[in-house]
C-alpha cells in the first residue's frame, strides 16, 4: 500500500517493489493518481511490478458537478474495467 493525505493505492496480489523508486513511479495528489508518469524512463510489462490492477482510494475528492449525461459515466466505467 502506498498512502498519503490525498489517497492510497493498493496493488493486487504480491507486488515486488525491489529496486523501485516509489517516489518517482507513484504520484498521489489532490484528485490525481499517477503510476509510471510520462517522464518515467521505466515501465514494466503488464502484470509485473506496479503495472497491474490496483484499488485506488481518493480522500476528500468530490465531483465538481454531476455527470452531464449517462454516456460519459458509461465511458468512464468501461475505461476502468
PDB file of N, CA and C in Angstrom:
ATOM      1  N   UNK A   1       0.841  -1.180   0.000  1.00  0.00           N
ATOM      2  CA  UNK A   1       0.000   0.000   0.000  1.00  0.00           C
ATOM      3  C   UNK A   1       0.887   1.244   0.000  1.00  0.00           C
ATOM      4  N   UNK A   2       0.478   2.188  -0.816  1.00  0.00           N
ATOM      5  CA  UNK A   2       1.129   3.494  -0.840  1.00  0.00           C
ATOM      6  C   UNK A   2       0.052   4.496  -0.456  1.00  0.00           C
ATOM      7  N   UNK A   3       0.350   5.351   0.519  1.00  0.00           N
ATOM      8  CA  UNK A   3      -0.684   6.224   1.061  1.00  0.00           C
ATOM      9  C   UNK A   3      -0.096   7.573   1.442  1.00  0.00           C
ATOM     10  N   UNK A   4      -0.892   8.622   1.238  1.00  0.00           N
ATOM     11  CA  UNK A   4      -0.553   9.937   1.766  1.00  0.00           C
ATOM     12  C   UNK A   4      -1.855  10.647   2.131  1.00  0.00           C
ATOM     13  N   UNK A   5      -1.819  11.933   2.372  1.00  0.00           N
ATOM     14  CA  UNK A   5      -3.013  12.652   2.827  1.00  0.00           C
ATOM     15  C   UNK A   5      -4.077  12.807   1.735  1.00  0.00           C
ATOM     16  N   UNK A   6      -3.732  12.529   0.474  1.00  0.00           N
ATOM     17  CA  UNK A   6      -4.680  12.681  -0.635  1.00  0.00           C
ATOM     18  C   UNK A   6      -5.361  11.378  -1.031  1.00  0.00           C
ATOM     19  N   UNK A   7      -4.741  10.244  -0.737  1.00  0.00           N
ATOM     20  CA  UNK A   7      -5.342   8.977  -1.115  1.00  0.00           C
ATOM     21  C   UNK A   7      -4.387   7.815  -0.915  1.00  0.00           C
ATOM     22  N   UNK A   8      -4.825   6.654  -1.433  1.00  0.00           N
ATOM     23  CA  UNK A   8      -3.996   5.460  -1.315  1.00  0.00           C
ATOM     24  C   UNK A   8      -4.168   4.594  -2.545  1.00  0.00           C
ATOM     25  N   UNK A   9      -3.191   3.729  -2.772  1.00  0.00           N
ATOM     26  CA  UNK A   9      -3.257   2.754  -3.853  1.00  0.00           C
ATOM     27  C   UNK A   9      -2.770   1.423  -3.306  1.00  0.00           C
ATOM     28  N   UNK A  10      -3.577   0.387  -3.529  1.00  0.00           N
ATOM     29  CA  UNK A  10      -3.236  -0.963  -3.079  1.00  0.00           C
ATOM     30  C   UNK A  10      -3.160  -1.837  -4.321  1.00  0.00           C
ATOM     31  N   UNK A  11      -2.008  -2.402  -4.586  1.00  0.00           N
ATOM     32  CA  UNK A  11      -1.812  -3.256  -5.749  1.00  0.00           C
ATOM     33  C   UNK A  11      -2.299  -4.666  -5.430  1.00  0.00           C
ATOM     34  N   UNK A  12      -2.925  -5.303  -6.415  1.00  0.00           N
ATOM     35  CA  UNK A  12      -3.484  -6.642  -6.238  1.00  0.00           C
ATOM     36  C   UNK A  12      -2.382  -7.686  -6.120  1.00  0.00           C
ATOM     37  N   UNK A  13      -2.600  -8.657  -5.229  1.00  0.00           N
ATOM     38  CA  UNK A  13      -1.652  -9.758  -5.070  1.00  0.00           C
ATOM     39  C   UNK A  13      -0.321  -9.302  -4.530  1.00  0.00           C
ATOM     40  N   UNK A  14       0.656 -10.197  -4.630  1.00  0.00           N
ATOM     41  CA  UNK A  14       2.010  -9.850  -4.209  1.00  0.00           C
ATOM     42  C   UNK A  14       2.599  -8.882  -5.222  1.00  0.00           C
ATOM     43  N   UNK A  15       3.277  -7.868  -4.716  1.00  0.00           N
ATOM     44  CA  UNK A  15       3.852  -6.852  -5.591  1.00  0.00           C
ATOM     45  C   UNK A  15       5.325  -6.672  -5.241  1.00  0.00           C
ATOM     46  N   UNK A  16       6.184  -7.009  -6.193  1.00  0.00           N
ATOM     47  CA  UNK A  16       7.625  -6.893  -5.997  1.00  0.00           C
ATOM     48  C   UNK A  16       8.052  -5.451  -6.256  1.00  0.00           C
ATOM     49  N   UNK A  17       8.455  -4.755  -5.202  1.00  0.00           N
ATOM     50  CA  UNK A  17       8.914  -3.375  -5.336  1.00  0.00           C
ATOM     51  C   UNK A  17      10.427  -3.261  -5.148  1.00  0.00           C
ATOM     52  N   UNK A  18      11.098  -4.399  -5.262  1.00  0.00           N
ATOM     53  CA  UNK A  18      12.551  -4.416  -5.123  1.00  0.00           C
ATOM     54  C   UNK A  18      13.191  -3.479  -6.138  1.00  0.00           C
ATOM     55  N   UNK A  19      14.075  -2.621  -5.672  1.00  0.00           N
ATOM     56  CA  UNK A  19      14.838  -1.674  -6.503  1.00  0.00           C
ATOM     57  C   UNK A  19      13.972  -0.652  -7.234  1.00  0.00           C
ATOM     58  N   UNK A  20      12.753  -0.396  -6.759  1.00  0.00           N
ATOM     59  CA  UNK A  20      11.901   0.627  -7.363  1.00  0.00           C
ATOM     60  C   UNK A  20      11.953   1.897  -6.534  1.00  0.00           C
ATOM     61  N   UNK A  21      12.031   3.037  -7.194  1.00  0.00           N
ATOM     62  CA  UNK A  21      11.960   4.325  -6.517  1.00  0.00           C
ATOM     63  C   UNK A  21      10.494   4.762  -6.535  1.00  0.00           C
ATOM     64  N   UNK A  22       9.744   4.394  -5.504  1.00  0.00           N
ATOM     65  CA  UNK A  22       8.307   4.649  -5.470  1.00  0.00           C
ATOM     66  C   UNK A  22       7.975   6.131  -5.512  1.00  0.00           C
ATOM     67  N   UNK A  23       8.859   6.976  -5.006  1.00  0.00           N
ATOM     68  CA  UNK A  23       8.622   8.426  -5.058  1.00  0.00           C
ATOM     69  C   UNK A  23       8.582   8.934  -6.496  1.00  0.00           C
ATOM     70  N   UNK A  24       9.328   8.297  -7.394  1.00  0.00           N
ATOM     71  CA  UNK A  24       9.327   8.699  -8.800  1.00  0.00           C
ATOM     72  C   UNK A  24       8.234   7.996  -9.608  1.00  0.00           C
ATOM     73  N   UNK A  25       7.863   6.791  -9.208  1.00  0.00           N
ATOM     74  CA  UNK A  25       6.940   5.980 -10.002  1.00  0.00           C
ATOM     75  C   UNK A  25       5.471   6.155  -9.641  1.00  0.00           C
ATOM     76  N   UNK A  26       5.181   6.561  -8.407  1.00  0.00           N
ATOM     77  CA  UNK A  26       3.792   6.716  -7.965  1.00  0.00           C
ATOM     78  C   UNK A  26       3.590   8.127  -7.430  1.00  0.00           C
ATOM     79  N   UNK A  27       2.609   8.822  -8.012  1.00  0.00           N
ATOM     80  CA  UNK A  27       2.296  10.183  -7.583  1.00  0.00           C
ATOM     81  C   UNK A  27       0.838  10.214  -7.148  1.00  0.00           C
ATOM     82  N   UNK A  28       0.597  10.621  -5.915  1.00  0.00           N
ATOM     83  CA  UNK A  28      -0.766  10.788  -5.411  1.00  0.00           C
ATOM     84  C   UNK A  28      -0.906  12.239  -4.980  1.00  0.00           C
ATOM     85  N   UNK A  29      -1.768  12.950  -5.720  1.00  0.00           N
ATOM     86  CA  UNK A  29      -2.037  14.360  -5.428  1.00  0.00           C
ATOM     87  C   UNK A  29      -3.536  14.530  -5.243  1.00  0.00           C
ATOM     88  N   UNK A  30      -3.943  15.737  -4.910  1.00  0.00           N
ATOM     89  CA  UNK A  30      -5.365  16.034  -4.784  1.00  0.00           C
ATOM     90  C   UNK A  30      -6.064  15.714  -6.105  1.00  0.00           C
ATOM     91  N   UNK A  31      -7.042  14.804  -6.057  1.00  0.00           N
ATOM     92  CA  UNK A  31      -7.838  14.371  -7.223  1.00  0.00           C
ATOM     93  C   UNK A  31      -7.016  13.755  -8.348  1.00  0.00           C
ATOM     94  N   UNK A  32      -5.839  13.211  -8.065  1.00  0.00           N
ATOM     95  CA  UNK A  32      -4.995  12.660  -9.129  1.00  0.00           C
ATOM     96  C   UNK A  32      -4.105  11.544  -8.601  1.00  0.00           C
ATOM     97  N   UNK A  33      -4.056  10.454  -9.334  1.00  0.00           N
ATOM     98  CA  UNK A  33      -3.119   9.365  -9.043  1.00  0.00           C
ATOM     99  C   UNK A  33      -2.436   9.002 -10.346  1.00  0.00           C
ATOM    100  N   UNK A  34      -1.124   8.899 -10.314  1.00  0.00           N
ATOM    101  CA  UNK A  34      -0.350   8.532 -11.496  1.00  0.00           C
ATOM    102  C   UNK A  34       0.636   7.439 -11.126  1.00  0.00           C
ATOM    103  N   UNK A  35       0.664   6.380 -11.921  1.00  0.00           N
ATOM    104  CA  UNK A  35       1.670   5.336 -11.776  1.00  0.00           C
ATOM    105  C   UNK A  35       2.418   5.288 -13.101  1.00  0.00           C
ATOM    106  N   UNK A  36       3.723   5.285 -13.038  1.00  0.00           N
ATOM    107  CA  UNK A  36       4.568   5.409 -14.224  1.00  0.00           C
ATOM    108  C   UNK A  36       4.220   6.695 -14.993  1.00  0.00           C
ATOM    109  N   UNK A  37       4.476   7.865 -14.406  1.00  0.00           N
ATOM    110  CA  UNK A  37       4.175   9.124 -15.100  1.00  0.00           C
ATOM    111  C   UNK A  37       4.949   9.212 -16.424  1.00  0.00           C
ATOM    112  N   UNK A  38       4.495  10.102 -17.304  1.00  0.00           N
ATOM    113  CA  UNK A  38       5.078  10.233 -18.647  1.00  0.00           C
ATOM    114  C   UNK A  38       6.592  10.423 -18.631  1.00  0.00           C
ATOM    115  N   UNK A  39       7.087  11.171 -17.672  1.00  0.00           N
ATOM    116  CA  UNK A  39       8.535  11.432 -17.631  1.00  0.00           C
ATOM    117  C   UNK A  39       9.338  10.244 -17.105  1.00  0.00           C
ATOM    118  N   UNK A  40       8.648   9.197 -16.691  1.00  0.00           N
ATOM    119  CA  UNK A  40       9.295   7.993 -16.172  1.00  0.00           C
ATOM    120  C   UNK A  40      10.018   7.253 -17.300  1.00  0.00           C
ATOM    121  N   UNK A  41      11.245   6.842 -17.055  1.00  0.00           N
ATOM    122  CA  UNK A  41      12.047   6.150 -18.066  1.00  0.00           C
ATOM    123  C   UNK A  41      11.754   4.655 -18.141  1.00  0.00           C
ATOM    124  N   UNK A  42      11.156   4.108 -17.084  1.00  0.00           N
ATOM    125  CA  UNK A  42      10.932   2.664 -16.997  1.00  0.00           C
ATOM    126  C   UNK A  42       9.445   2.381 -16.823  1.00  0.00           C
ATOM    127  N   UNK A  43       8.925   1.449 -17.618  1.00  0.00           N
ATOM    128  CA  UNK A  43       7.576   0.951 -17.403  1.00  0.00           C
ATOM    129  C   UNK A  43       7.638  -0.559 -17.580  1.00  0.00           C
ATOM    130  N   UNK A  44       7.321  -1.269 -16.516  1.00  0.00           N
ATOM    131  CA  UNK A  44       7.423  -2.719 -16.534  1.00  0.00           C
ATOM    132  C   UNK A  44       6.301  -3.342 -17.350  1.00  0.00           C
ATOM    133  N   UNK A  45       6.511  -4.576 -17.845  1.00  0.00           N
ATOM    134  CA  UNK A  45       5.470  -5.257 -18.622  1.00  0.00           C
ATOM    135  C   UNK A  45       4.188  -5.434 -17.802  1.00  0.00           C
ATOM    136  N   UNK A  46       3.063  -5.501 -18.492  1.00  0.00           N
ATOM    137  CA  UNK A  46       1.767  -5.663 -17.847  1.00  0.00           C
ATOM    138  C   UNK A  46       1.790  -6.893 -16.935  1.00  0.00           C
ATOM    139  N   UNK A  47       1.338  -6.685 -15.708  1.00  0.00           N
ATOM    140  CA  UNK A  47       1.304  -7.762 -14.720  1.00  0.00           C
ATOM    141  C   UNK A  47       2.524  -7.829 -13.824  1.00  0.00           C
ATOM    142  N   UNK A  48       3.557  -7.044 -14.120  1.00  0.00           N
ATOM    143  CA  UNK A  48       4.781  -7.064 -13.322  1.00  0.00           C
ATOM    144  C   UNK A  48       4.964  -5.755 -12.568  1.00  0.00           C
ATOM    145  N   UNK A  49       5.629  -5.862 -11.426  1.00  0.00           N
ATOM    146  CA  UNK A  49       5.925  -4.706 -10.563  1.00  0.00           C
ATOM    147  C   UNK A  49       4.647  -3.894 -10.308  1.00  0.00           C
ATOM    148  N   UNK A  50       4.612  -2.606 -10.693  1.00  0.00           N
ATOM    149  CA  UNK A  50       3.452  -1.745 -10.428  1.00  0.00           C
ATOM    150  C   UNK A  50       2.468  -1.685 -11.596  1.00  0.00           C
ATOM    151  N   UNK A  51       2.782  -2.355 -12.700  1.00  0.00           N
ATOM    152  CA  UNK A  51       1.919  -2.327 -13.879  1.00  0.00           C
ATOM    153  C   UNK A  51       0.891  -3.464 -13.786  1.00  0.00           C
ATOM    154  N   UNK A  52      -0.007  -3.321 -12.813  1.00  0.00           N
ATOM    155  CA  UNK A  52      -1.004  -4.350 -12.555  1.00  0.00           C
ATOM    156  C   UNK A  52      -2.236  -3.714 -11.929  1.00  0.00           C
ATOM    157  N   UNK A  53      -3.277  -4.505 -11.762  1.00  0.00           N
ATOM    158  CA  UNK A  53      -4.503  -3.984 -11.171  1.00  0.00           C
ATOM    159  C   UNK A  53      -4.243  -3.457  -9.770  1.00  0.00           C
ATOM    160  N   UNK A  54      -5.005  -2.410  -9.438  1.00  0.00           N
ATOM    161  CA  UNK A  54      -4.864  -1.794  -8.117  1.00  0.00           C
ATOM    162  C   UNK A  54      -6.192  -1.164  -7.724  1.00  0.00           C
ATOM    163  N   UNK A  55      -6.352  -0.993  -6.434  1.00  0.00           N
ATOM    164  CA  UNK A  55      -7.508  -0.277  -5.900  1.00  0.00           C
ATOM    165  C   UNK A  55      -7.035   1.092  -5.455  1.00  0.00           C
ATOM    166  N   UNK A  56      -7.672   2.117  -6.007  1.00  0.00           N
ATOM    167  CA  UNK A  56      -7.293   3.493  -5.694  1.00  0.00           C
ATOM    168  C   UNK A  56      -8.395   4.133  -4.865  1.00  0.00           C
ATOM    169  N   UNK A  57      -8.022   4.763  -3.772  1.00  0.00           N
ATOM    170  CA  UNK A  57      -8.961   5.482  -2.917  1.00  0.00           C
ATOM    171  C   UNK A  57      -8.504   6.928  -2.818  1.00  0.00           C
ATOM    172  N   UNK A  58      -9.416   7.836  -3.129  1.00  0.00           N
ATOM    173  CA  UNK A  58      -9.116   9.261  -3.021  1.00  0.00           C
ATOM    174  C   UNK A  58      -9.798   9.807  -1.769  1.00  0.00           C
ATOM    175  N   UNK A  59      -9.084  10.588  -0.983  1.00  0.00           N
ATOM    176  CA  UNK A  59      -9.638  11.184   0.230  1.00  0.00           C
ATOM    177  C   UNK A  59     -10.143  12.596  -0.085  1.00  0.00           C
ATOM    178  N   UNK A  60     -11.311  12.918   0.421  1.00  0.00           N
ATOM    179  CA  UNK A  60     -11.892  14.261   0.278  1.00  0.00           C
ATOM    180  C   UNK A  60     -11.904  14.739  -1.182  1.00  0.00           C
ATOM    181  N   UNK A  61     -12.237  13.851  -2.092  1.00  0.00           N
ATOM    182  CA  UNK A  61     -12.349  14.208  -3.504  1.00  0.00           C
ATOM    183  C   UNK A  61     -13.805  14.051  -3.914  1.00  0.00           C
ATOM    184  N   UNK A  62     -14.413  15.130  -4.287  1.00  0.00           N
ATOM    185  CA  UNK A  62     -15.815  15.129  -4.666  1.00  0.00           C
ATOM    186  C   UNK A  62     -15.944  15.691  -6.075  1.00  0.00           C
ATOM    187  N   UNK A  63     -16.912  15.197  -6.849  1.00  0.00           N
ATOM    188  CA  UNK A  63     -17.079  15.740  -8.205  1.00  0.00           C
ATOM    189  C   UNK A  63     -17.485  17.203  -8.154  1.00  0.00           C
ATOM    190  N   UNK A  64     -17.007  17.960  -9.120  1.00  0.00           N
ATOM    191  CA  UNK A  64     -17.377  19.371  -9.197  1.00  0.00           C
ATOM    192  C   UNK A  64     -18.845  19.517  -9.574  1.00  0.00           C
ATOM    193  N   UNK A  65     -19.341  18.560 -10.363  1.00  0.00           N
ATOM    194  CA  UNK A  65     -20.746  18.553 -10.749  1.00  0.00           C
ATOM    195  C   UNK A  65     -21.113  17.130 -11.157  1.00  0.00           C
ATOM    196  N   UNK A  66     -22.366  16.880 -11.312  1.00  0.00           N
ATOM    197  CA  UNK A  66     -22.823  15.570 -11.745  1.00  0.00           C
ATOM    198  C   UNK A  66     -22.381  15.334 -13.185  1.00  0.00           C
ATOM    199  N   UNK A  67     -22.329  14.059 -13.588  1.00  0.00           N
ATOM    200  CA  UNK A  67     -22.032  13.751 -14.984  1.00  0.00           C
ATOM    201  C   UNK A  67     -23.085  14.406 -15.867  1.00  0.00           C
ATOM    202  N   UNK A  68     -22.669  15.064 -16.943  1.00  0.00           N
ATOM    203  CA  UNK A  68     -23.633  15.756 -17.795  1.00  0.00           C
ATOM    204  C   UNK A  68     -24.625  14.797 -18.465  1.00  0.00           C
ATOM    205  N   UNK A  69     -24.176  13.586 -18.748  1.00  0.00           N
ATOM    206  CA  UNK A  69     -25.083  12.589 -19.308  1.00  0.00           C
ATOM    207  C   UNK A  69     -24.560  11.195 -18.984  1.00  0.00           C
ATOM    208  N   UNK A  70     -25.399  10.213 -19.161  1.00  0.00           N
ATOM    209  CA  UNK A  70     -25.041   8.840 -18.812  1.00  0.00           C
ATOM    210  C   UNK A  70     -23.926   8.280 -19.692  1.00  0.00           C
ATOM    211  N   UNK A  71     -23.794   8.775 -20.942  1.00  0.00           N
ATOM    212  CA  UNK A  71     -22.771   8.220 -21.831  1.00  0.00           C
ATOM    213  C   UNK A  71     -21.368   8.459 -21.279  1.00  0.00           C
ATOM    214  N   UNK A  72     -21.119   9.611 -20.678  1.00  0.00           N
ATOM    215  CA  UNK A  72     -19.816   9.897 -20.079  1.00  0.00           C
ATOM    216  C   UNK A  72     -19.558   8.953 -18.905  1.00  0.00           C
ATOM    217  N   UNK A  73     -20.575   8.719 -18.099  1.00  0.00           N
ATOM    218  CA  UNK A  73     -20.453   7.801 -16.972  1.00  0.00           C
ATOM    219  C   UNK A  73     -20.141   6.387 -17.469  1.00  0.00           C
ATOM    220  N   UNK A  74     -20.812   5.961 -18.545  1.00  0.00           N
ATOM    221  CA  UNK A  74     -20.575   4.634 -19.114  1.00  0.00           C
ATOM    222  C   UNK A  74     -19.156   4.514 -19.686  1.00  0.00           C
ATOM    223  N   UNK A  75     -18.664   5.569 -20.336  1.00  0.00           N
ATOM    224  CA  UNK A  75     -17.305   5.559 -20.891  1.00  0.00           C
ATOM    225  C   UNK A  75     -16.266   5.414 -19.780  1.00  0.00           C
ATOM    226  N   UNK A  76     -16.455   6.155 -18.702  1.00  0.00           N
ATOM    227  CA  UNK A  76     -15.525   6.088 -17.577  1.00  0.00           C
ATOM    228  C   UNK A  76     -15.562   4.702 -16.946  1.00  0.00           C
ATOM    229  N   UNK A  77     -16.731   4.149 -16.769  1.00  0.00           N
ATOM    230  CA  UNK A  77     -16.861   2.809 -16.192  1.00  0.00           C
ATOM    231  C   UNK A  77     -16.166   1.777 -17.070  1.00  0.00           C
ATOM    232  N   UNK A  78     -16.371   1.847 -18.392  1.00  0.00           N
ATOM    233  CA  UNK A  78     -15.745   0.910 -19.313  1.00  0.00           C
ATOM    234  C   UNK A  78     -14.229   1.034 -19.298  1.00  0.00           C
ATOM    235  N   UNK A  79     -13.730   2.263 -19.201  1.00  0.00           N
ATOM    236  CA  UNK A  79     -12.296   2.509 -19.172  1.00  0.00           C
ATOM    237  C   UNK A  79     -11.644   1.867 -17.938  1.00  0.00           C
ATOM    238  N   UNK A  80     -12.358   1.875 -16.825  1.00  0.00           N
ATOM    239  CA  UNK A  80     -11.817   1.379 -15.569  1.00  0.00           C
ATOM    240  C   UNK A  80     -11.913  -0.145 -15.433  1.00  0.00           C
ATOM    241  N   UNK A  81     -12.658  -0.788 -16.297  1.00  0.00           N
ATOM    242  CA  UNK A  81     -12.817  -2.246 -16.191  1.00  0.00           C
ATOM    243  C   UNK A  81     -11.663  -2.988 -16.798  1.00  0.00           C
TER     244      UNK A  81
END
